[in-house]
Amino acid sequence: MTEHQLREQEFQIARYRRLEREVTDPLAASLLHSIVEELEEELRRGHPDWPGPRD
């Protein structure tokens, strides 16, 4: 995974985390949380030394 792809993936994760905090529908929040988990797992597989989310 290139540095650009890493930054793009981190940007997507941050965007979905923000949406997860803003939604009021519990189902939507749950789905967004699942998306974040999947994106983070994908990032870990593609970039094993990724330090984790930057909250």
N, C-alpha and C. Protein backbone atom coordinates (compact mmCIF):
# COMPACT_ATOMS: atom_id res chain seq x y z
N MET A 1 0.85 -1.17 0.00
CA MET A 1 0.00 0.00 0.00
C MET A 1 0.90 1.23 0.00
N THR A 2 0.64 2.14 -0.92
CA THR A 2 1.45 3.35 -1.02
C THR A 2 1.08 4.33 0.10
N GLU A 3 1.93 5.32 0.27
CA GLU A 3 1.68 6.35 1.28
C GLU A 3 0.38 7.10 0.98
N HIS A 4 0.14 7.36 -0.30
CA HIS A 4 -1.10 8.04 -0.69
C HIS A 4 -2.32 7.19 -0.35
N GLN A 5 -2.26 5.91 -0.64
CA GLN A 5 -3.37 5.01 -0.32
C GLN A 5 -3.60 4.93 1.18
N LEU A 6 -2.51 4.91 1.94
CA LEU A 6 -2.62 4.88 3.40
C LEU A 6 -3.33 6.13 3.90
N ARG A 7 -2.93 7.29 3.41
CA ARG A 7 -3.59 8.54 3.84
C ARG A 7 -5.05 8.56 3.44
N GLU A 8 -5.36 8.09 2.23
CA GLU A 8 -6.74 8.05 1.77
C GLU A 8 -7.59 7.14 2.64
N GLN A 9 -7.05 5.98 2.99
CA GLN A 9 -7.77 5.03 3.85
C GLN A 9 -8.00 5.64 5.23
N GLU A 10 -6.98 6.30 5.78
CA GLU A 10 -7.14 6.96 7.08
C GLU A 10 -8.19 8.06 7.01
N PHE A 11 -8.23 8.78 5.90
CA PHE A 11 -9.23 9.84 5.71
C PHE A 11 -10.63 9.23 5.71
N GLN A 12 -10.81 8.13 4.99
CA GLN A 12 -12.11 7.46 4.96
C GLN A 12 -12.52 7.00 6.35
N ILE A 13 -11.60 6.43 7.09
CA ILE A 13 -11.90 5.96 8.44
C ILE A 13 -12.34 7.13 9.31
N ALA A 14 -11.62 8.23 9.24
CA ALA A 14 -11.97 9.41 10.04
C ALA A 14 -13.35 9.94 9.65
N ARG A 15 -13.64 9.94 8.36
CA ARG A 15 -14.94 10.43 7.90
C ARG A 15 -16.08 9.55 8.42
N TYR A 16 -15.92 8.24 8.34
CA TYR A 16 -16.96 7.34 8.84
C TYR A 16 -17.08 7.40 10.36
N ARG A 17 -15.97 7.58 11.06
CA ARG A 17 -16.04 7.75 12.53
C ARG A 17 -16.84 9.00 12.89
N ARG A 18 -16.59 10.08 12.16
CA ARG A 18 -17.32 11.32 12.42
C ARG A 18 -18.81 11.13 12.16
N LEU A 19 -19.15 10.48 11.06
CA LEU A 19 -20.56 10.20 10.77
C LEU A 19 -21.17 9.33 11.85
N GLU A 20 -20.40 8.34 12.32
CA GLU A 20 -20.90 7.45 13.37
C GLU A 20 -21.27 8.23 14.64
N ARG A 21 -20.47 9.24 14.96
CA ARG A 21 -20.75 10.05 16.15
C ARG A 21 -21.95 10.97 15.95
N GLU A 22 -22.21 11.36 14.70
CA GLU A 22 -23.25 12.35 14.42
C GLU A 22 -24.64 11.75 14.21
N VAL A 23 -24.72 10.52 13.76
CA VAL A 23 -26.04 9.95 13.46
C VAL A 23 -26.82 9.67 14.74
N THR A 24 -28.13 9.74 14.62
CA THR A 24 -28.98 9.47 15.78
C THR A 24 -29.67 8.12 15.68
N ASP A 25 -29.66 7.53 14.51
CA ASP A 25 -30.28 6.23 14.30
C ASP A 25 -29.32 5.13 14.75
N PRO A 26 -29.71 4.31 15.72
CA PRO A 26 -28.82 3.25 16.22
C PRO A 26 -28.39 2.26 15.13
N LEU A 27 -29.26 1.95 14.20
CA LEU A 27 -28.89 1.03 13.13
C LEU A 27 -27.82 1.65 12.25
N ALA A 28 -27.99 2.89 11.90
CA ALA A 28 -27.00 3.59 11.07
C ALA A 28 -25.65 3.64 11.79
N ALA A 29 -25.67 3.94 13.08
CA ALA A 29 -24.43 3.99 13.86
C ALA A 29 -23.74 2.63 13.87
N SER A 30 -24.53 1.59 14.01
CA SER A 30 -23.99 0.23 14.02
C SER A 30 -23.36 -0.12 12.67
N LEU A 31 -24.04 0.23 11.61
CA LEU A 31 -23.51 -0.05 10.27
C LEU A 31 -22.22 0.74 10.01
N LEU A 32 -22.21 2.00 10.41
CA LEU A 32 -21.00 2.80 10.24
C LEU A 32 -19.85 2.24 11.06
N HIS A 33 -20.15 1.76 12.26
CA HIS A 33 -19.11 1.16 13.11
C HIS A 33 -18.53 -0.08 12.42
N SER A 34 -19.38 -0.88 11.81
CA SER A 34 -18.92 -2.06 11.09
C SER A 34 -18.03 -1.68 9.91
N ILE A 35 -18.41 -0.62 9.21
CA ILE A 35 -17.59 -0.14 8.09
C ILE A 35 -16.22 0.28 8.59
N VAL A 36 -16.17 1.02 9.69
CA VAL A 36 -14.89 1.48 10.25
C VAL A 36 -14.03 0.28 10.62
N GLU A 37 -14.61 -0.71 11.27
CA GLU A 37 -13.84 -1.90 11.65
C GLU A 37 -13.28 -2.61 10.43
N GLU A 38 -14.08 -2.73 9.38
CA GLU A 38 -13.62 -3.40 8.16
C GLU A 38 -12.49 -2.61 7.48
N LEU A 39 -12.63 -1.29 7.43
CA LEU A 39 -11.58 -0.47 6.83
C LEU A 39 -10.28 -0.55 7.63
N GLU A 40 -10.40 -0.53 8.95
CA GLU A 40 -9.19 -0.64 9.78
C GLU A 40 -8.53 -2.00 9.60
N GLU A 41 -9.30 -3.05 9.51
CA GLU A 41 -8.73 -4.39 9.30
C GLU A 41 -8.04 -4.47 7.95
N GLU A 42 -8.67 -3.90 6.94
CA GLU A 42 -8.07 -3.88 5.61
C GLU A 42 -6.75 -3.11 5.64
N LEU A 43 -6.73 -2.02 6.37
CA LEU A 43 -5.52 -1.21 6.49
C LEU A 43 -4.41 -2.00 7.20
N ARG A 44 -4.76 -2.72 8.25
CA ARG A 44 -3.77 -3.52 8.97
C ARG A 44 -3.18 -4.62 8.08
N ARG A 45 -4.03 -5.23 7.26
CA ARG A 45 -3.54 -6.29 6.36
C ARG A 45 -2.61 -5.71 5.30
N GLY A 46 -2.94 -4.55 4.77
CA GLY A 46 -2.14 -3.94 3.72
C GLY A 46 -0.93 -3.18 4.21
N HIS A 47 -0.94 -2.82 5.46
CA HIS A 47 0.16 -2.02 6.03
C HIS A 47 0.36 -2.46 7.48
N PRO A 48 1.04 -3.61 7.69
CA PRO A 48 1.15 -4.22 9.03
C PRO A 48 1.73 -3.31 10.11
N ASP A 49 2.56 -2.35 9.74
CA ASP A 49 3.16 -1.48 10.76
C ASP A 49 2.32 -0.23 11.03
N TRP A 50 1.08 -0.19 10.49
CA TRP A 50 0.19 0.94 10.76
C TRP A 50 -0.05 1.04 12.27
N PRO A 51 0.13 2.22 12.85
CA PRO A 51 0.03 2.37 14.30
C PRO A 51 -1.38 2.31 14.86
N GLY A 52 -2.38 2.37 14.04
CA GLY A 52 -3.76 2.35 14.53
C GLY A 52 -4.44 3.68 14.32
N PRO A 53 -5.69 3.77 14.73
CA PRO A 53 -6.45 4.99 14.49
C PRO A 53 -5.88 6.19 15.22
N ARG A 54 -6.00 7.34 14.57
CA ARG A 54 -5.54 8.61 15.18
C ARG A 54 -6.76 9.42 15.56
N ASP A 55 -7.29 9.19 16.72
CA ASP A 55 -8.51 9.92 17.16
C ASP A 55 -8.19 11.25 17.73
